[in-house]
ModelCIF file with pLDDT and N, C-alpha, C, O atoms, coordinates in Angstrom:
data_MODEL
#
_entry.id   MODEL 
#
_entity.id                         1 
_entity.type                       polymer 
_entity.pdbx_number_of_molecules   1 
#
_entity_poly.entity_id                      1 
_entity_poly.type                           'polypeptide(L)' 
_entity_poly.nstd_linkage                   no 
_entity_poly.nstd_monomer                   no 
_entity_poly.pdbx_seq_one_letter_code       LSNAKAQAANFPFCTIEPNVGVITVPDDRLIKLADIDKPEKVIPTTVE 
_entity_poly.pdbx_seq_one_letter_code_can   LSNAKAQAANFPFCTIEPNVGVITVPDDRLIKLADIDKPEKVIPTTVE 
_entity_poly.pdbx_strand_id                 A 
#
loop_
_entity_poly_seq.entity_id 
_entity_poly_seq.num 
_entity_poly_seq.mon_id 
_entity_poly_seq.hetero 
1 1  LEU n 
1 2  SER n 
1 3  ASN n 
1 4  ALA n 
1 5  LYS n 
1 6  ALA n 
1 7  GLN n 
1 8  ALA n 
1 9  ALA n 
1 10 ASN n 
1 11 PHE n 
1 12 PRO n 
1 13 PHE n 
1 14 CYS n 
1 15 THR n 
1 16 ILE n 
1 17 GLU n 
1 18 PRO n 
1 19 ASN n 
1 20 VAL n 
1 21 GLY n 
1 22 VAL n 
1 23 ILE n 
1 24 THR n 
1 25 VAL n 
1 26 PRO n 
1 27 ASP n 
1 28 ASP n 
1 29 ARG n 
1 30 LEU n 
1 31 ILE n 
1 32 LYS n 
1 33 LEU n 
1 34 ALA n 
1 35 ASP n 
1 36 ILE n 
1 37 ASP n 
1 38 LYS n 
1 39 PRO n 
1 40 GLU n 
1 41 LYS n 
1 42 VAL n 
1 43 ILE n 
1 44 PRO n 
1 45 THR n 
1 46 THR n 
1 47 VAL n 
1 48 GLU n 
#
_struct_asym.id          A 
_struct_asym.entity_id   1 
#
loop_
_ma_qa_metric.id 
_ma_qa_metric.mode 
_ma_qa_metric.name 
_ma_qa_metric.software_group_id 
_ma_qa_metric.type 
1 global pLDDT . pLDDT 
2 local  pLDDT . pLDDT 
#
_ma_qa_metric_global.metric_id      1 
_ma_qa_metric_global.metric_value   69.21 
_ma_qa_metric_global.model_id       1 
_ma_qa_metric_global.ordinal_id     1 
#
loop_
_ma_qa_metric_local.label_asym_id 
_ma_qa_metric_local.label_comp_id 
_ma_qa_metric_local.label_seq_id 
_ma_qa_metric_local.metric_id 
_ma_qa_metric_local.metric_value 
_ma_qa_metric_local.model_id 
_ma_qa_metric_local.ordinal_id 
A LEU 1  2 80.00 1 1  
A SER 2  2 73.00 1 2  
A ASN 3  2 59.00 1 3  
A ALA 4  2 44.00 1 4  
A LYS 5  2 42.00 1 5  
A ALA 6  2 36.00 1 6  
A GLN 7  2 37.00 1 7  
A ALA 8  2 37.00 1 8  
A ALA 9  2 36.00 1 9  
A ASN 10 2 36.00 1 10 
A PHE 11 2 33.00 1 11 
A PRO 12 2 38.00 1 12 
A PHE 13 2 37.00 1 13 
A CYS 14 2 39.00 1 14 
A THR 15 2 40.00 1 15 
A ILE 16 2 43.00 1 16 
A GLU 17 2 55.00 1 17 
A PRO 18 2 64.00 1 18 
A ASN 19 2 76.00 1 19 
A VAL 20 2 81.00 1 20 
A GLY 21 2 81.00 1 21 
A VAL 22 2 82.00 1 22 
A ILE 23 2 81.00 1 23 
A THR 24 2 80.00 1 24 
A VAL 25 2 79.00 1 25 
A PRO 26 2 74.00 1 26 
A ASP 27 2 79.00 1 27 
A ASP 28 2 79.00 1 28 
A ARG 29 2 86.00 1 29 
A LEU 30 2 84.00 1 30 
A ILE 31 2 83.00 1 31 
A LYS 32 2 87.00 1 32 
A LEU 33 2 88.00 1 33 
A ALA 34 2 85.00 1 34 
A ASP 35 2 87.00 1 35 
A ILE 36 2 89.00 1 36 
A ASP 37 2 85.00 1 37 
A LYS 38 2 86.00 1 38 
A PRO 39 2 86.00 1 39 
A GLU 40 2 86.00 1 40 
A LYS 41 2 86.00 1 41 
A VAL 42 2 83.00 1 42 
A ILE 43 2 82.00 1 43 
A PRO 44 2 81.00 1 44 
A THR 45 2 83.00 1 45 
A THR 46 2 83.00 1 46 
A VAL 47 2 85.00 1 47 
A GLU 48 2 86.00 1 48 
#
loop_
_atom_site.group_PDB 
_atom_site.id 
_atom_site.type_symbol 
_atom_site.label_atom_id 
_atom_site.label_alt_id 
_atom_site.label_comp_id 
_atom_site.label_asym_id 
_atom_site.label_entity_id 
_atom_site.label_seq_id 
_atom_site.pdbx_PDB_ins_code 
_atom_site.Cartn_x 
_atom_site.Cartn_y 
_atom_site.Cartn_z 
_atom_site.occupancy 
_atom_site.B_iso_or_equiv 
_atom_site.pdbx_formal_charge 
_atom_site.auth_seq_id 
_atom_site.auth_comp_id 
_atom_site.auth_asym_id 
_atom_site.auth_atom_id 
_atom_site.pdbx_PDB_model_num 
ATOM 1   N N  . LEU A 1 1  ? 0.816   -1.217  0.000   1.00 80.00 ? 1  LEU A N  1 
ATOM 2   C CA . LEU A 1 1  ? 0.000   0.000   0.000   1.00 80.00 ? 1  LEU A CA 1 
ATOM 3   C C  . LEU A 1 1  ? 0.849   1.266   0.000   1.00 80.00 ? 1  LEU A C  1 
ATOM 4   O O  . LEU A 1 1  ? 0.584   2.203   -0.753  1.00 80.00 ? 1  LEU A O  1 
ATOM 5   N N  . SER A 1 2  ? 1.869   1.283   0.851   1.00 73.00 ? 2  SER A N  1 
ATOM 6   C CA . SER A 1 2  ? 2.582   2.535   1.090   1.00 73.00 ? 2  SER A CA 1 
ATOM 7   C C  . SER A 1 2  ? 3.964   2.607   0.464   1.00 73.00 ? 2  SER A C  1 
ATOM 8   O O  . SER A 1 2  ? 4.569   3.675   0.377   1.00 73.00 ? 2  SER A O  1 
ATOM 9   N N  . ASN A 1 3  ? 4.459   1.437   0.025   1.00 59.00 ? 3  ASN A N  1 
ATOM 10  C CA . ASN A 1 3  ? 5.824   1.379   -0.503  1.00 59.00 ? 3  ASN A CA 1 
ATOM 11  C C  . ASN A 1 3  ? 6.837   1.887   0.522   1.00 59.00 ? 3  ASN A C  1 
ATOM 12  O O  . ASN A 1 3  ? 7.864   2.464   0.166   1.00 59.00 ? 3  ASN A O  1 
ATOM 13  N N  . ALA A 1 4  ? 6.522   1.656   1.825   1.00 44.00 ? 4  ALA A N  1 
ATOM 14  C CA . ALA A 1 4  ? 7.358   2.188   2.900   1.00 44.00 ? 4  ALA A CA 1 
ATOM 15  C C  . ALA A 1 4  ? 8.438   1.223   3.360   1.00 44.00 ? 4  ALA A C  1 
ATOM 16  O O  . ALA A 1 4  ? 9.311   1.591   4.146   1.00 44.00 ? 4  ALA A O  1 
ATOM 17  N N  . LYS A 1 5  ? 8.380   -0.028  2.866   1.00 42.00 ? 5  LYS A N  1 
ATOM 18  C CA . LYS A 1 5  ? 9.391   -1.033  3.188   1.00 42.00 ? 5  LYS A CA 1 
ATOM 19  C C  . LYS A 1 5  ? 9.505   -1.320  4.677   1.00 42.00 ? 5  LYS A C  1 
ATOM 20  O O  . LYS A 1 5  ? 10.601  -1.321  5.237   1.00 42.00 ? 5  LYS A O  1 
ATOM 21  N N  . ALA A 1 6  ? 8.358   -1.565  5.316   1.00 36.00 ? 6  ALA A N  1 
ATOM 22  C CA . ALA A 1 6  ? 8.393   -2.014  6.705   1.00 36.00 ? 6  ALA A CA 1 
ATOM 23  C C  . ALA A 1 6  ? 8.946   -3.431  6.734   1.00 36.00 ? 6  ALA A C  1 
ATOM 24  O O  . ALA A 1 6  ? 8.802   -4.174  5.764   1.00 36.00 ? 6  ALA A O  1 
ATOM 25  N N  . GLN A 1 7  ? 9.578   -3.812  7.844   1.00 37.00 ? 7  GLN A N  1 
ATOM 26  C CA . GLN A 1 7  ? 10.140  -5.144  7.946   1.00 37.00 ? 7  GLN A CA 1 
ATOM 27  C C  . GLN A 1 7  ? 9.027   -6.179  7.976   1.00 37.00 ? 7  GLN A C  1 
ATOM 28  O O  . GLN A 1 7  ? 8.083   -6.060  8.757   1.00 37.00 ? 7  GLN A O  1 
ATOM 29  N N  . ALA A 1 8  ? 9.136   -7.198  7.126   1.00 37.00 ? 8  ALA A N  1 
ATOM 30  C CA . ALA A 1 8  ? 8.179   -8.293  7.113   1.00 37.00 ? 8  ALA A CA 1 
ATOM 31  C C  . ALA A 1 8  ? 8.989   -9.580  7.218   1.00 37.00 ? 8  ALA A C  1 
ATOM 32  O O  . ALA A 1 8  ? 9.867   -9.829  6.392   1.00 37.00 ? 8  ALA A O  1 
ATOM 33  N N  . ALA A 1 9  ? 8.701   -10.402 8.230   1.00 36.00 ? 9  ALA A N  1 
ATOM 34  C CA . ALA A 1 9  ? 9.486   -11.610 8.431   1.00 36.00 ? 9  ALA A CA 1 
ATOM 35  C C  . ALA A 1 9  ? 8.627   -12.706 9.040   1.00 36.00 ? 9  ALA A C  1 
ATOM 36  O O  . ALA A 1 9  ? 7.533   -12.459 9.546   1.00 36.00 ? 9  ALA A O  1 
ATOM 37  N N  . ASN A 1 10 ? 9.161   -13.941 8.976   1.00 36.00 ? 10 ASN A N  1 
ATOM 38  C CA . ASN A 1 10 ? 8.425   -15.113 9.406   1.00 36.00 ? 10 ASN A CA 1 
ATOM 39  C C  . ASN A 1 10 ? 8.615   -15.384 10.896  1.00 36.00 ? 10 ASN A C  1 
ATOM 40  O O  . ASN A 1 10 ? 9.073   -16.458 11.285  1.00 36.00 ? 10 ASN A O  1 
ATOM 41  N N  . PHE A 1 11 ? 8.257   -14.391 11.736  1.00 33.00 ? 11 PHE A N  1 
ATOM 42  C CA . PHE A 1 11 ? 8.247   -14.606 13.182  1.00 33.00 ? 11 PHE A CA 1 
ATOM 43  C C  . PHE A 1 11 ? 7.297   -13.608 13.833  1.00 33.00 ? 11 PHE A C  1 
ATOM 44  O O  . PHE A 1 11 ? 7.124   -12.498 13.329  1.00 33.00 ? 11 PHE A O  1 
ATOM 45  N N  . PRO A 1 12 ? 6.670   -14.000 14.966  1.00 38.00 ? 12 PRO A N  1 
ATOM 46  C CA . PRO A 1 12 ? 5.711   -13.100 15.623  1.00 38.00 ? 12 PRO A CA 1 
ATOM 47  C C  . PRO A 1 12 ? 6.376   -11.824 16.121  1.00 38.00 ? 12 PRO A C  1 
ATOM 48  O O  . PRO A 1 12 ? 7.558   -11.815 16.465  1.00 38.00 ? 12 PRO A O  1 
ATOM 49  N N  . PHE A 1 13 ? 5.592   -10.743 16.152  1.00 37.00 ? 13 PHE A N  1 
ATOM 50  C CA . PHE A 1 13 ? 6.027   -9.426  16.637  1.00 37.00 ? 13 PHE A CA 1 
ATOM 51  C C  . PHE A 1 13 ? 7.205   -8.877  15.849  1.00 37.00 ? 13 PHE A C  1 
ATOM 52  O O  . PHE A 1 13 ? 8.074   -8.200  16.398  1.00 37.00 ? 13 PHE A O  1 
ATOM 53  N N  . CYS A 1 14 ? 7.225   -9.179  14.545  1.00 39.00 ? 14 CYS A N  1 
ATOM 54  C CA . CYS A 1 14 ? 8.215   -8.552  13.660  1.00 39.00 ? 14 CYS A CA 1 
ATOM 55  C C  . CYS A 1 14 ? 8.024   -7.042  13.710  1.00 39.00 ? 14 CYS A C  1 
ATOM 56  O O  . CYS A 1 14 ? 8.994   -6.284  13.680  1.00 39.00 ? 14 CYS A O  1 
ATOM 57  N N  . THR A 1 15 ? 6.749   -6.603  13.787  1.00 40.00 ? 15 THR A N  1 
ATOM 58  C CA . THR A 1 15 ? 6.432   -5.184  13.954  1.00 40.00 ? 15 THR A CA 1 
ATOM 59  C C  . THR A 1 15 ? 6.176   -4.910  15.429  1.00 40.00 ? 15 THR A C  1 
ATOM 60  O O  . THR A 1 15 ? 5.339   -5.571  16.043  1.00 40.00 ? 15 THR A O  1 
ATOM 61  N N  . ILE A 1 16 ? 6.887   -3.942  16.008  1.00 43.00 ? 16 ILE A N  1 
ATOM 62  C CA . ILE A 1 16 ? 6.659   -3.560  17.402  1.00 43.00 ? 16 ILE A CA 1 
ATOM 63  C C  . ILE A 1 16 ? 6.130   -2.129  17.444  1.00 43.00 ? 16 ILE A C  1 
ATOM 64  O O  . ILE A 1 16 ? 5.000   -1.893  17.870  1.00 43.00 ? 16 ILE A O  1 
ATOM 65  N N  . GLU A 1 17 ? 6.951   -1.175  16.999  1.00 55.00 ? 17 GLU A N  1 
ATOM 66  C CA . GLU A 1 17 ? 6.461   0.190   16.861  1.00 55.00 ? 17 GLU A CA 1 
ATOM 67  C C  . GLU A 1 17 ? 5.638   0.267   15.574  1.00 55.00 ? 17 GLU A C  1 
ATOM 68  O O  . GLU A 1 17 ? 6.069   -0.269  14.553  1.00 55.00 ? 17 GLU A O  1 
ATOM 69  N N  . PRO A 1 18 ? 4.472   0.914   15.586  1.00 64.00 ? 18 PRO A N  1 
ATOM 70  C CA . PRO A 1 18 ? 3.653   0.969   14.372  1.00 64.00 ? 18 PRO A CA 1 
ATOM 71  C C  . PRO A 1 18 ? 4.347   1.727   13.244  1.00 64.00 ? 18 PRO A C  1 
ATOM 72  O O  . PRO A 1 18 ? 4.910   2.803   13.449  1.00 64.00 ? 18 PRO A O  1 
ATOM 73  N N  . ASN A 1 19 ? 4.293   1.141   12.047  1.00 76.00 ? 19 ASN A N  1 
ATOM 74  C CA . ASN A 1 19 ? 4.793   1.817   10.854  1.00 76.00 ? 19 ASN A CA 1 
ATOM 75  C C  . ASN A 1 19 ? 3.665   2.663   10.278  1.00 76.00 ? 19 ASN A C  1 
ATOM 76  O O  . ASN A 1 19 ? 2.508   2.244   10.293  1.00 76.00 ? 19 ASN A O  1 
ATOM 77  N N  . VAL A 1 20 ? 3.989   3.838   9.774   1.00 81.00 ? 20 VAL A N  1 
ATOM 78  C CA . VAL A 1 20 ? 2.976   4.750   9.241   1.00 81.00 ? 20 VAL A CA 1 
ATOM 79  C C  . VAL A 1 20 ? 3.350   5.151   7.814   1.00 81.00 ? 20 VAL A C  1 
ATOM 80  O O  . VAL A 1 20 ? 4.495   5.508   7.539   1.00 81.00 ? 20 VAL A O  1 
ATOM 81  N N  . GLY A 1 21 ? 2.375   5.090   6.919   1.00 81.00 ? 21 GLY A N  1 
ATOM 82  C CA . GLY A 1 21 ? 2.597   5.519   5.545   1.00 81.00 ? 21 GLY A CA 1 
ATOM 83  C C  . GLY A 1 21 ? 1.400   6.312   5.048   1.00 81.00 ? 21 GLY A C  1 
ATOM 84  O O  . GLY A 1 21 ? 0.266   6.002   5.413   1.00 81.00 ? 21 GLY A O  1 
ATOM 85  N N  . VAL A 1 22 ? 1.626   7.324   4.226   1.00 82.00 ? 22 VAL A N  1 
ATOM 86  C CA . VAL A 1 22 ? 0.535   8.116   3.647   1.00 82.00 ? 22 VAL A CA 1 
ATOM 87  C C  . VAL A 1 22 ? 0.439   7.768   2.170   1.00 82.00 ? 22 VAL A C  1 
ATOM 88  O O  . VAL A 1 22 ? 1.423   7.882   1.439   1.00 82.00 ? 22 VAL A O  1 
ATOM 89  N N  . ILE A 1 23 ? -0.740  7.345   1.727   1.00 81.00 ? 23 ILE A N  1 
ATOM 90  C CA . ILE A 1 23 ? -0.921  6.932   0.336   1.00 81.00 ? 23 ILE A CA 1 
ATOM 91  C C  . ILE A 1 23 ? -2.019  7.766   -0.327  1.00 81.00 ? 23 ILE A C  1 
ATOM 92  O O  . ILE A 1 23 ? -2.926  8.270   0.335   1.00 81.00 ? 23 ILE A O  1 
ATOM 93  N N  . THR A 1 24 ? -1.913  7.897   -1.638  1.00 80.00 ? 24 THR A N  1 
ATOM 94  C CA . THR A 1 24 ? -2.959  8.593   -2.392  1.00 80.00 ? 24 THR A CA 1 
ATOM 95  C C  . THR A 1 24 ? -4.007  7.572   -2.821  1.00 80.00 ? 24 THR A C  1 
ATOM 96  O O  . THR A 1 24 ? -3.689  6.412   -3.081  1.00 80.00 ? 24 THR A O  1 
ATOM 97  N N  . VAL A 1 25 ? -5.256  8.016   -2.891  1.00 79.00 ? 25 VAL A N  1 
ATOM 98  C CA . VAL A 1 25 ? -6.359  7.134   -3.263  1.00 79.00 ? 25 VAL A CA 1 
ATOM 99  C C  . VAL A 1 25 ? -6.564  7.192   -4.780  1.00 79.00 ? 25 VAL A C  1 
ATOM 100 O O  . VAL A 1 25 ? -6.846  8.266   -5.311  1.00 79.00 ? 25 VAL A O  1 
ATOM 101 N N  . PRO A 1 26 ? -6.428  6.058   -5.497  1.00 74.00 ? 26 PRO A N  1 
ATOM 102 C CA . PRO A 1 26 ? -6.661  6.052   -6.943  1.00 74.00 ? 26 PRO A CA 1 
ATOM 103 C C  . PRO A 1 26 ? -8.113  6.419   -7.249  1.00 74.00 ? 26 PRO A C  1 
ATOM 104 O O  . PRO A 1 26 ? -9.034  5.865   -6.649  1.00 74.00 ? 26 PRO A O  1 
ATOM 105 N N  . ASP A 1 27 ? -8.316  7.344   -8.174  1.00 79.00 ? 27 ASP A N  1 
ATOM 106 C CA . ASP A 1 27 ? -9.682  7.771   -8.500  1.00 79.00 ? 27 ASP A CA 1 
ATOM 107 C C  . ASP A 1 27 ? -9.730  8.260   -9.946  1.00 79.00 ? 27 ASP A C  1 
ATOM 108 O O  . ASP A 1 27 ? -9.266  9.359   -10.252 1.00 79.00 ? 27 ASP A O  1 
ATOM 109 N N  . ASP A 1 28 ? -10.289 7.442   -10.828 1.00 79.00 ? 28 ASP A N  1 
ATOM 110 C CA . ASP A 1 28 ? -10.384 7.793   -12.250 1.00 79.00 ? 28 ASP A CA 1 
ATOM 111 C C  . ASP A 1 28 ? -11.220 9.047   -12.472 1.00 79.00 ? 28 ASP A C  1 
ATOM 112 O O  . ASP A 1 28 ? -11.006 9.772   -13.444 1.00 79.00 ? 28 ASP A O  1 
ATOM 113 N N  . ARG A 1 29 ? -12.166 9.305   -11.584 1.00 86.00 ? 29 ARG A N  1 
ATOM 114 C CA . ARG A 1 29 ? -13.028 10.493  -11.731 1.00 86.00 ? 29 ARG A CA 1 
ATOM 115 C C  . ARG A 1 29 ? -12.198 11.773  -11.626 1.00 86.00 ? 29 ARG A C  1 
ATOM 116 O O  . ARG A 1 29 ? -12.455 12.755  -12.321 1.00 86.00 ? 29 ARG A O  1 
ATOM 117 N N  . LEU A 1 30 ? -11.208 11.741  -10.751 1.00 84.00 ? 30 LEU A N  1 
ATOM 118 C CA . LEU A 1 30 ? -10.344 12.908  -10.557 1.00 84.00 ? 30 LEU A CA 1 
ATOM 119 C C  . LEU A 1 30 ? -9.572  13.226  -11.837 1.00 84.00 ? 30 LEU A C  1 
ATOM 120 O O  . LEU A 1 30 ? -9.414  14.388  -12.212 1.00 84.00 ? 30 LEU A O  1 
ATOM 121 N N  . ILE A 1 31 ? -9.099  12.178  -12.492 1.00 83.00 ? 31 ILE A N  1 
ATOM 122 C CA . ILE A 1 31 ? -8.360  12.357  -13.742 1.00 83.00 ? 31 ILE A CA 1 
ATOM 123 C C  . ILE A 1 31 ? -9.264  12.960  -14.814 1.00 83.00 ? 31 ILE A C  1 
ATOM 124 O O  . ILE A 1 31 ? -8.850  13.858  -15.547 1.00 83.00 ? 31 ILE A O  1 
ATOM 125 N N  . LYS A 1 32 ? -10.498 12.463  -14.904 1.00 87.00 ? 32 LYS A N  1 
ATOM 126 C CA . LYS A 1 32 ? -11.445 12.963  -15.912 1.00 87.00 ? 32 LYS A CA 1 
ATOM 127 C C  . LYS A 1 32 ? -11.814 14.428  -15.644 1.00 87.00 ? 32 LYS A C  1 
ATOM 128 O O  . LYS A 1 32 ? -11.922 15.228  -16.573 1.00 87.00 ? 32 LYS A O  1 
ATOM 129 N N  . LEU A 1 33 ? -12.003 14.766  -14.366 1.00 88.00 ? 33 LEU A N  1 
ATOM 130 C CA . LEU A 1 33 ? -12.317 16.151  -14.010 1.00 88.00 ? 33 LEU A CA 1 
ATOM 131 C C  . LEU A 1 33 ? -11.143 17.080  -14.324 1.00 88.00 ? 33 LEU A C  1 
ATOM 132 O O  . LEU A 1 33 ? -11.336 18.213  -14.764 1.00 88.00 ? 33 LEU A O  1 
ATOM 133 N N  . ALA A 1 34 ? -9.930  16.588  -14.093 1.00 85.00 ? 34 ALA A N  1 
ATOM 134 C CA . ALA A 1 34 ? -8.746  17.390  -14.384 1.00 85.00 ? 34 ALA A CA 1 
ATOM 135 C C  . ALA A 1 34 ? -8.608  17.642  -15.886 1.00 85.00 ? 34 ALA A C  1 
ATOM 136 O O  . ALA A 1 34 ? -8.175  18.715  -16.306 1.00 85.00 ? 34 ALA A O  1 
ATOM 137 N N  . ASP A 1 35 ? -8.981  16.646  -16.687 1.00 87.00 ? 35 ASP A N  1 
ATOM 138 C CA . ASP A 1 35 ? -8.926  16.795  -18.148 1.00 87.00 ? 35 ASP A CA 1 
ATOM 139 C C  . ASP A 1 35 ? -9.912  17.862  -18.625 1.00 87.00 ? 35 ASP A C  1 
ATOM 140 O O  . ASP A 1 35 ? -9.653  18.567  -19.600 1.00 87.00 ? 35 ASP A O  1 
ATOM 141 N N  . ILE A 1 36 ? -11.040 17.970  -17.930 1.00 89.00 ? 36 ILE A N  1 
ATOM 142 C CA . ILE A 1 36 ? -12.064 18.944  -18.318 1.00 89.00 ? 36 ILE A CA 1 
ATOM 143 C C  . ILE A 1 36 ? -11.693 20.349  -17.845 1.00 89.00 ? 36 ILE A C  1 
ATOM 144 O O  . ILE A 1 36 ? -11.777 21.313  -18.605 1.00 89.00 ? 36 ILE A O  1 
ATOM 145 N N  . ASP A 1 37 ? -11.281 20.453  -16.574 1.00 85.00 ? 37 ASP A N  1 
ATOM 146 C CA . ASP A 1 37 ? -11.097 21.764  -15.948 1.00 85.00 ? 37 ASP A CA 1 
ATOM 147 C C  . ASP A 1 37 ? -9.687  22.339  -16.106 1.00 85.00 ? 37 ASP A C  1 
ATOM 148 O O  . ASP A 1 37 ? -9.484  23.547  -15.981 1.00 85.00 ? 37 ASP A O  1 
ATOM 149 N N  . LYS A 1 38 ? -8.714  21.458  -16.383 1.00 86.00 ? 38 LYS A N  1 
ATOM 150 C CA . LYS A 1 38 ? -7.309  21.868  -16.565 1.00 86.00 ? 38 LYS A CA 1 
ATOM 151 C C  . LYS A 1 38 ? -6.775  22.708  -15.384 1.00 86.00 ? 38 LYS A C  1 
ATOM 152 O O  . LYS A 1 38 ? -6.303  23.825  -15.594 1.00 86.00 ? 38 LYS A O  1 
ATOM 153 N N  . PRO A 1 39 ? -6.845  22.188  -14.161 1.00 86.00 ? 39 PRO A N  1 
ATOM 154 C CA . PRO A 1 39 ? -6.343  22.952  -13.012 1.00 86.00 ? 39 PRO A CA 1 
ATOM 155 C C  . PRO A 1 39 ? -4.813  23.010  -13.013 1.00 86.00 ? 39 PRO A C  1 
ATOM 156 O O  . PRO A 1 39 ? -4.153  22.191  -13.652 1.00 86.00 ? 39 PRO A O  1 
ATOM 157 N N  . GLU A 1 40 ? -4.259  23.988  -12.287 1.00 86.00 ? 40 GLU A N  1 
ATOM 158 C CA . GLU A 1 40 ? -2.799  24.078  -12.185 1.00 86.00 ? 40 GLU A CA 1 
ATOM 159 C C  . GLU A 1 40 ? -2.237  22.916  -11.383 1.00 86.00 ? 40 GLU A C  1 
ATOM 160 O O  . GLU A 1 40 ? -1.127  22.453  -11.646 1.00 86.00 ? 40 GLU A O  1 
ATOM 161 N N  . LYS A 1 41 ? -2.994  22.450  -10.415 1.00 86.00 ? 41 LYS A N  1 
ATOM 162 C CA . LYS A 1 41 ? -2.519  21.356  -9.575  1.00 86.00 ? 41 LYS A CA 1 
ATOM 163 C C  . LYS A 1 41 ? -3.679  20.417  -9.245  1.00 86.00 ? 41 LYS A C  1 
ATOM 164 O O  . LYS A 1 41 ? -4.798  20.862  -8.988  1.00 86.00 ? 41 LYS A O  1 
ATOM 165 N N  . VAL A 1 42 ? -3.395  19.107  -9.254  1.00 83.00 ? 42 VAL A N  1 
ATOM 166 C CA . VAL A 1 42 ? -4.378  18.092  -8.867  1.00 83.00 ? 42 VAL A CA 1 
ATOM 167 C C  . VAL A 1 42 ? -3.926  17.479  -7.545  1.00 83.00 ? 42 VAL A C  1 
ATOM 168 O O  . VAL A 1 42 ? -2.829  16.929  -7.450  1.00 83.00 ? 42 VAL A O  1 
ATOM 169 N N  . ILE A 1 43 ? -4.784  17.580  -6.520  1.00 82.00 ? 43 ILE A N  1 
ATOM 170 C CA . ILE A 1 43 ? -4.424  17.052  -5.204  1.00 82.00 ? 43 ILE A CA 1 
ATOM 171 C C  . ILE A 1 43 ? -5.376  15.901  -4.860  1.00 82.00 ? 43 ILE A C  1 
ATOM 172 O O  . ILE A 1 43 ? -6.532  16.139  -4.509  1.00 82.00 ? 43 ILE A O  1 
ATOM 173 N N  . PRO A 1 44 ? -4.896  14.655  -4.958  1.00 81.00 ? 44 PRO A N  1 
ATOM 174 C CA . PRO A 1 44 ? -5.765  13.515  -4.659  1.00 81.00 ? 44 PRO A CA 1 
ATOM 175 C C  . PRO A 1 44 ? -6.015  13.360  -3.157  1.00 81.00 ? 44 PRO A C  1 
ATOM 176 O O  . PRO A 1 44 ? -5.272  13.892  -2.332  1.00 81.00 ? 44 PRO A O  1 
ATOM 177 N N  . THR A 1 45 ? -7.063  12.631  -2.825  1.00 83.00 ? 45 THR A N  1 
ATOM 178 C CA . THR A 1 45 ? -7.333  12.283  -1.434  1.00 83.00 ? 45 THR A CA 1 
ATOM 179 C C  . THR A 1 45 ? -6.224  11.367  -0.922  1.00 83.00 ? 45 THR A C  1 
ATOM 180 O O  . THR A 1 45 ? -5.701  10.538  -1.667  1.00 83.00 ? 45 THR A O  1 
ATOM 181 N N  . THR A 1 46 ? -5.874  11.519  0.342   1.00 83.00 ? 46 THR A N  1 
ATOM 182 C CA . THR A 1 46 ? -4.862  10.636  0.926   1.00 83.00 ? 46 THR A CA 1 
ATOM 183 C C  . THR A 1 46 ? -5.447  9.860   2.115   1.00 83.00 ? 46 THR A C  1 
ATOM 184 O O  . THR A 1 46 ? -6.408  10.288  2.753   1.00 83.00 ? 46 THR A O  1 
ATOM 185 N N  . VAL A 1 47 ? -4.842  8.727   2.379   1.00 85.00 ? 47 VAL A N  1 
ATOM 186 C CA . VAL A 1 47 ? -5.196  7.909   3.531   1.00 85.00 ? 47 VAL A CA 1 
ATOM 187 C C  . VAL A 1 47 ? -3.914  7.582   4.276   1.00 85.00 ? 47 VAL A C  1 
ATOM 188 O O  . VAL A 1 47 ? -2.901  7.234   3.668   1.00 85.00 ? 47 VAL A O  1 
ATOM 189 N N  . GLU A 1 48 ? -3.966  7.696   5.594   1.00 86.00 ? 48 GLU A N  1 
ATOM 190 C CA . GLU A 1 48 ? -2.810  7.328   6.410   1.00 86.00 ? 48 GLU A CA 1 
ATOM 191 C C  . GLU A 1 48 ? -2.998  5.881   6.864   1.00 86.00 ? 48 GLU A C  1 
ATOM 192 O O  . GLU A 1 48 ? -2.147  5.340   7.570   1.00 86.00 ? 48 GLU A O  1 
#
């Protein structure tokens, strides 16, 4: 999801401190609206 490269391994409690990543939400509607309105900047919704 985040391309954050958290450690993933074959043993319990590989993760202790929570890893946090911010990702953009894919939305084809946003692309279509941008094509129509031609804004200077497109800012997608993000999820943490």
